[in-house]
């Protein structure tokens, strides 16, 4: 298994828990046969993720733990969108998802990451900070909003009440 595969696996595991002990993480990310090479690859992957600012180490009295940083949570969410199980639902449920995103220039990296995720989830940018989609991915962005503490910077609206002309123009973006 390649180093990159371990990094993705580690991000997936950490995305499911607030923190995890390094021994437990190594056992969950490893292969059944374990072995010296597997342990080395996991250790290198952990170092790479830490150097990239995606995870951080926390030491308690007895154990070392790993947890995702804010950027790590965004990356883990991006991985979820890449998974086959998260393909866009082709049937429209009659609701529009509208996300208003307003992050200042000082948080440009977060803003760009969120724009990337919005595009991956099938959202289309209407205006500088207004994104729309007919696809049911608002729950993912609700989690991101909570994880990143974006209480006023991200507003999520789900509605089925649009005038017919606006709805027609929105559909043009999605070629329905």
C-alpha atoms as a PDB file:
ATOM      1  CA  UNK A   1       0.000   0.000   0.000  1.00  0.00           C
ATOM      2  CA  UNK A   2       1.400   3.409  -0.967  1.00  0.00           C
ATOM      3  CA  UNK A   3       2.092   6.251   1.452  1.00  0.00           C
ATOM      4  CA  UNK A   4      -0.698   8.319  -0.106  1.00  0.00           C
ATOM      5  CA  UNK A   5      -3.175   5.546   0.637  1.00  0.00           C
ATOM      6  CA  UNK A   6      -2.212   5.648   4.316  1.00  0.00           C
ATOM      7  CA  UNK A   7      -2.637   9.431   4.410  1.00  0.00           C
ATOM      8  CA  UNK A   8      -6.155   9.155   3.003  1.00  0.00           C
ATOM      9  CA  UNK A   9      -6.978   6.329   5.388  1.00  0.00           C
ATOM     10  CA  UNK A  10      -5.664   8.309   8.366  1.00  0.00           C
ATOM     11  CA  UNK A  11      -7.711  11.380   7.381  1.00  0.00           C
ATOM     12  CA  UNK A  12     -10.812   9.189   7.032  1.00  0.00           C
ATOM     13  CA  UNK A  13     -10.281   7.638  10.479  1.00  0.00           C
ATOM     14  CA  UNK A  14      -9.653  11.016  12.116  1.00  0.00           C
ATOM     15  CA  UNK A  15     -12.697  12.471  10.361  1.00  0.00           C
ATOM     16  CA  UNK A  16     -14.879  10.039  12.304  1.00  0.00           C
ATOM     17  CA  UNK A  17     -13.535  10.896  15.796  1.00  0.00           C
ATOM     18  CA  UNK A  18     -12.459  14.067  17.597  1.00  0.00           C
ATOM     19  CA  UNK A  19      -9.085  12.518  18.487  1.00  0.00           C
ATOM     20  CA  UNK A  20      -7.485   9.087  18.488  1.00  0.00           C
ATOM     21  CA  UNK A  21      -4.436   7.636  20.208  1.00  0.00           C
ATOM     22  CA  UNK A  22      -1.468   7.012  17.951  1.00  0.00           C
ATOM     23  CA  UNK A  23      -1.295   3.263  18.754  1.00  0.00           C
ATOM     24  CA  UNK A  24      -5.012   2.881  17.963  1.00  0.00           C
ATOM     25  CA  UNK A  25      -4.618   4.942  14.794  1.00  0.00           C
ATOM     26  CA  UNK A  26      -1.693   2.806  13.658  1.00  0.00           C
ATOM     27  CA  UNK A  27      -3.644  -0.404  14.239  1.00  0.00           C
ATOM     28  CA  UNK A  28      -6.720   0.900  12.362  1.00  0.00           C
ATOM     29  CA  UNK A  29      -4.692   2.281   9.442  1.00  0.00           C
ATOM     30  CA  UNK A  30      -2.413  -0.757   9.112  1.00  0.00           C
ATOM     31  CA  UNK A  31      -2.761  -3.890   7.094  1.00  0.00           C
ATOM     32  CA  UNK A  32      -3.710  -7.199   8.703  1.00  0.00           C
ATOM     33  CA  UNK A  33      -0.141  -8.499   8.384  1.00  0.00           C
ATOM     34  CA  UNK A  34       1.250  -5.333  10.059  1.00  0.00           C
ATOM     35  CA  UNK A  35       4.991  -5.503   9.689  1.00  0.00           C
ATOM     36  CA  UNK A  36       7.875  -3.100   9.857  1.00  0.00           C
ATOM     37  CA  UNK A  37       7.259  -1.521   6.437  1.00  0.00           C
ATOM     38  CA  UNK A  38       3.612  -0.822   7.235  1.00  0.00           C
ATOM     39  CA  UNK A  39       4.491   0.863  10.538  1.00  0.00           C
ATOM     40  CA  UNK A  40       7.156   2.960   8.802  1.00  0.00           C
ATOM     41  CA  UNK A  41       4.735   4.035   6.043  1.00  0.00           C
ATOM     42  CA  UNK A  42       2.096   5.039   8.605  1.00  0.00           C
ATOM     43  CA  UNK A  43       4.679   6.999  10.621  1.00  0.00           C
ATOM     44  CA  UNK A  44       5.841   8.826   7.464  1.00  0.00           C
ATOM     45  CA  UNK A  45       2.234   9.547   6.483  1.00  0.00           C
ATOM     46  CA  UNK A  46       1.522  10.984   9.939  1.00  0.00           C
ATOM     47  CA  UNK A  47       4.599  13.197   9.657  1.00  0.00           C
ATOM     48  CA  UNK A  48       3.564  14.375   6.191  1.00  0.00           C
ATOM     49  CA  UNK A  49       0.024  15.185   7.363  1.00  0.00           C
ATOM     50  CA  UNK A  50       1.410  17.061  10.358  1.00  0.00           C
ATOM     51  CA  UNK A  51       3.896  18.996   8.187  1.00  0.00           C
ATOM     52  CA  UNK A  52       1.039  19.903   5.823  1.00  0.00           C
ATOM     53  CA  UNK A  53      -0.938  21.309   8.770  1.00  0.00           C
ATOM     54  CA  UNK A  54      -3.741  18.762   8.420  1.00  0.00           C
ATOM     55  CA  UNK A  55      -3.265  17.024  11.783  1.00  0.00           C
ATOM     56  CA  UNK A  56      -1.789  17.931  15.126  1.00  0.00           C
ATOM     57  CA  UNK A  57      -0.404  15.875  17.989  1.00  0.00           C
ATOM     58  CA  UNK A  58      -1.746  16.237  21.498  1.00  0.00           C
ATOM     59  CA  UNK A  59      -0.024  14.681  24.500  1.00  0.00           C
ATOM     60  CA  UNK A  60      -2.007  13.598  27.530  1.00  0.00           C
ATOM     61  CA  UNK A  61      -0.396  12.187  30.627  1.00  0.00           C
ATOM     62  CA  UNK A  62      -0.325   8.634  29.272  1.00  0.00           C
ATOM     63  CA  UNK A  63      -0.656   8.746  25.496  1.00  0.00           C
ATOM     64  CA  UNK A  64      -0.074  10.753  22.330  1.00  0.00           C
ATOM     65  CA  UNK A  65      -3.160  11.563  20.290  1.00  0.00           C
ATOM     66  CA  UNK A  66      -3.718  12.856  16.782  1.00  0.00           C
ATOM     67  CA  UNK A  67      -6.568  15.105  15.715  1.00  0.00           C
ATOM     68  CA  UNK A  68      -7.525  17.024  12.616  1.00  0.00           C
ATOM     69  CA  UNK A  69      -6.836  20.733  12.328  1.00  0.00           C
ATOM     70  CA  UNK A  70      -9.408  23.039  10.707  1.00  0.00           C
ATOM     71  CA  UNK A  71      -7.754  22.546   7.336  1.00  0.00           C
ATOM     72  CA  UNK A  72      -7.608  18.805   7.999  1.00  0.00           C
ATOM     73  CA  UNK A  73     -11.383  18.750   8.497  1.00  0.00           C
ATOM     74  CA  UNK A  74     -11.856  20.518   5.172  1.00  0.00           C
ATOM     75  CA  UNK A  75      -9.545  17.977   3.481  1.00  0.00           C
ATOM     76  CA  UNK A  76     -11.407  15.057   5.112  1.00  0.00           C
ATOM     77  CA  UNK A  77     -14.704  16.508   3.830  1.00  0.00           C
ATOM     78  CA  UNK A  78     -13.196  16.801   0.364  1.00  0.00           C
ATOM     79  CA  UNK A  79     -12.274  13.107   0.530  1.00  0.00           C
ATOM     80  CA  UNK A  80     -15.895  12.249   1.366  1.00  0.00           C
ATOM     81  CA  UNK A  81     -16.981  13.989  -1.826  1.00  0.00           C
ATOM     82  CA  UNK A  82     -14.414  11.953  -3.771  1.00  0.00           C
ATOM     83  CA  UNK A  83     -15.818   8.664  -2.473  1.00  0.00           C
ATOM     84  CA  UNK A  84     -18.016   6.682  -4.843  1.00  0.00           C
ATOM     85  CA  UNK A  85     -20.773   6.526  -2.241  1.00  0.00           C
ATOM     86  CA  UNK A  86     -21.227  10.296  -2.378  1.00  0.00           C
ATOM     87  CA  UNK A  87     -22.181  10.633  -6.030  1.00  0.00           C
ATOM     88  CA  UNK A  88     -24.660  13.389  -6.724  1.00  0.00           C
ATOM     89  CA  UNK A  89     -28.269  12.351  -6.468  1.00  0.00           C
ATOM     90  CA  UNK A  90     -29.671  12.791  -9.990  1.00  0.00           C
ATOM     91  CA  UNK A  91     -33.270  13.212  -8.815  1.00  0.00           C
ATOM     92  CA  UNK A  92     -34.268  16.654  -7.614  1.00  0.00           C
ATOM     93  CA  UNK A  93     -36.246  16.802  -4.368  1.00  0.00           C
ATOM     94  CA  UNK A  94     -37.792  20.197  -5.200  1.00  0.00           C
ATOM     95  CA  UNK A  95     -35.479  22.170  -2.902  1.00  0.00           C
ATOM     96  CA  UNK A  96     -32.694  24.607  -3.681  1.00  0.00           C
ATOM     97  CA  UNK A  97     -29.630  24.893  -1.489  1.00  0.00           C
ATOM     98  CA  UNK A  98     -28.243  28.408  -1.267  1.00  0.00           C
ATOM     99  CA  UNK A  99     -25.009  29.093   0.583  1.00  0.00           C
ATOM    100  CA  UNK A 100     -23.798  32.598   1.340  1.00  0.00           C
ATOM    101  CA  UNK A 101     -20.066  32.585   2.027  1.00  0.00           C
ATOM    102  CA  UNK A 102     -18.305  35.703   3.294  1.00  0.00           C
ATOM    103  CA  UNK A 103     -14.768  35.135   4.577  1.00  0.00           C
ATOM    104  CA  UNK A 104     -12.359  38.081   4.834  1.00  0.00           C
ATOM    105  CA  UNK A 105      -9.095  38.314   2.905  1.00  0.00           C
ATOM    106  CA  UNK A 106      -7.212  37.321   6.077  1.00  0.00           C
ATOM    107  CA  UNK A 107      -8.852  33.874   5.788  1.00  0.00           C
ATOM    108  CA  UNK A 108      -8.218  33.464   2.061  1.00  0.00           C
ATOM    109  CA  UNK A 109      -6.912  29.875   2.315  1.00  0.00           C
ATOM    110  CA  UNK A 110     -10.091  28.738   4.105  1.00  0.00           C
ATOM    111  CA  UNK A 111     -12.240  30.635   1.601  1.00  0.00           C
ATOM    112  CA  UNK A 112     -10.507  28.973  -1.367  1.00  0.00           C
ATOM    113  CA  UNK A 113     -10.834  25.524   0.246  1.00  0.00           C
ATOM    114  CA  UNK A 114     -14.540  26.073   0.820  1.00  0.00           C
ATOM    115  CA  UNK A 115     -15.060  27.269  -2.757  1.00  0.00           C
ATOM    116  CA  UNK A 116     -13.310  24.138  -3.982  1.00  0.00           C
ATOM    117  CA  UNK A 117     -15.613  21.959  -1.841  1.00  0.00           C
ATOM    118  CA  UNK A 118     -18.691  23.821  -3.036  1.00  0.00           C
ATOM    119  CA  UNK A 119     -17.710  23.192  -6.658  1.00  0.00           C
ATOM    120  CA  UNK A 120     -17.042  19.496  -5.951  1.00  0.00           C
ATOM    121  CA  UNK A 121     -20.474  19.181  -4.332  1.00  0.00           C
ATOM    122  CA  UNK A 122     -22.159  20.513  -7.467  1.00  0.00           C
ATOM    123  CA  UNK A 123     -22.752  24.099  -6.336  1.00  0.00           C
ATOM    124  CA  UNK A 124     -22.570  26.929  -8.874  1.00  0.00           C
ATOM    125  CA  UNK A 125     -21.421  30.439  -7.979  1.00  0.00           C
ATOM    126  CA  UNK A 126     -24.128  32.981  -8.858  1.00  0.00           C
ATOM    127  CA  UNK A 127     -22.439  36.078  -7.447  1.00  0.00           C
ATOM    128  CA  UNK A 128     -19.148  36.496  -5.564  1.00  0.00           C
ATOM    129  CA  UNK A 129     -20.450  34.975  -2.349  1.00  0.00           C
ATOM    130  CA  UNK A 130     -23.692  33.220  -3.378  1.00  0.00           C
ATOM    131  CA  UNK A 131     -23.694  29.527  -4.306  1.00  0.00           C
ATOM    132  CA  UNK A 132     -26.675  27.403  -5.402  1.00  0.00           C
ATOM    133  CA  UNK A 133     -27.357  23.726  -5.913  1.00  0.00           C
ATOM    134  CA  UNK A 134     -30.320  21.385  -6.334  1.00  0.00           C
ATOM    135  CA  UNK A 135     -28.292  18.575  -4.742  1.00  0.00           C
ATOM    136  CA  UNK A 136     -28.781  17.557  -1.092  1.00  0.00           C
ATOM    137  CA  UNK A 137     -25.314  18.342   0.283  1.00  0.00           C
ATOM    138  CA  UNK A 138     -26.281  21.057   2.749  1.00  0.00           C
ATOM    139  CA  UNK A 139     -25.678  18.655   5.666  1.00  0.00           C
ATOM    140  CA  UNK A 140     -21.990  18.416   4.702  1.00  0.00           C
ATOM    141  CA  UNK A 141     -21.640  22.193   4.742  1.00  0.00           C
ATOM    142  CA  UNK A 142     -23.588  22.401   8.003  1.00  0.00           C
ATOM    143  CA  UNK A 143     -20.902  20.155   9.552  1.00  0.00           C
ATOM    144  CA  UNK A 144     -18.106  22.231   8.005  1.00  0.00           C
ATOM    145  CA  UNK A 145     -19.757  25.413   9.292  1.00  0.00           C
ATOM    146  CA  UNK A 146     -19.838  23.980  12.811  1.00  0.00           C
ATOM    147  CA  UNK A 147     -16.318  22.500  12.663  1.00  0.00           C
ATOM    148  CA  UNK A 148     -14.735  25.722  11.397  1.00  0.00           C
ATOM    149  CA  UNK A 149     -16.810  28.018  13.605  1.00  0.00           C
ATOM    150  CA  UNK A 150     -18.329  29.920  10.679  1.00  0.00           C
ATOM    151  CA  UNK A 151     -21.450  31.081  12.523  1.00  0.00           C
ATOM    152  CA  UNK A 152     -21.848  34.380  10.623  1.00  0.00           C
ATOM    153  CA  UNK A 153     -19.481  33.820   7.686  1.00  0.00           C
ATOM    154  CA  UNK A 154     -21.536  30.981   6.149  1.00  0.00           C
ATOM    155  CA  UNK A 155     -25.308  31.056   5.837  1.00  0.00           C
ATOM    156  CA  UNK A 156     -27.116  27.970   4.528  1.00  0.00           C
ATOM    157  CA  UNK A 157     -30.615  28.282   3.105  1.00  0.00           C
ATOM    158  CA  UNK A 158     -32.779  25.413   1.866  1.00  0.00           C
ATOM    159  CA  UNK A 159     -35.934  26.489   0.048  1.00  0.00           C
ATOM    160  CA  UNK A 160     -38.492  25.361  -2.466  1.00  0.00           C
ATOM    161  CA  UNK A 161     -40.097  28.817  -2.699  1.00  0.00           C
ATOM    162  CA  UNK A 162     -38.645  30.627  -5.706  1.00  0.00           C
ATOM    163  CA  UNK A 163     -40.465  32.535  -8.385  1.00  0.00           C
ATOM    164  CA  UNK A 164     -40.785  30.629 -11.664  1.00  0.00           C
ATOM    165  CA  UNK A 165     -38.398  32.879 -13.629  1.00  0.00           C
ATOM    166  CA  UNK A 166     -35.634  32.556 -11.027  1.00  0.00           C
ATOM    167  CA  UNK A 167     -36.117  28.794 -10.825  1.00  0.00           C
ATOM    168  CA  UNK A 168     -35.942  28.557 -14.619  1.00  0.00           C
ATOM    169  CA  UNK A 169     -32.674  30.508 -14.685  1.00  0.00           C
ATOM    170  CA  UNK A 170     -31.248  28.322 -11.887  1.00  0.00           C
ATOM    171  CA  UNK A 171     -32.099  25.182 -13.850  1.00  0.00           C
ATOM    172  CA  UNK A 172     -30.154  26.592 -16.804  1.00  0.00           C
ATOM    173  CA  UNK A 173     -26.995  26.380 -14.660  1.00  0.00           C
ATOM    174  CA  UNK A 174     -27.574  22.652 -14.102  1.00  0.00           C
ATOM    175  CA  UNK A 175     -28.894  21.792 -17.598  1.00  0.00           C
ATOM    176  CA  UNK A 176     -31.969  20.040 -16.251  1.00  0.00           C
END
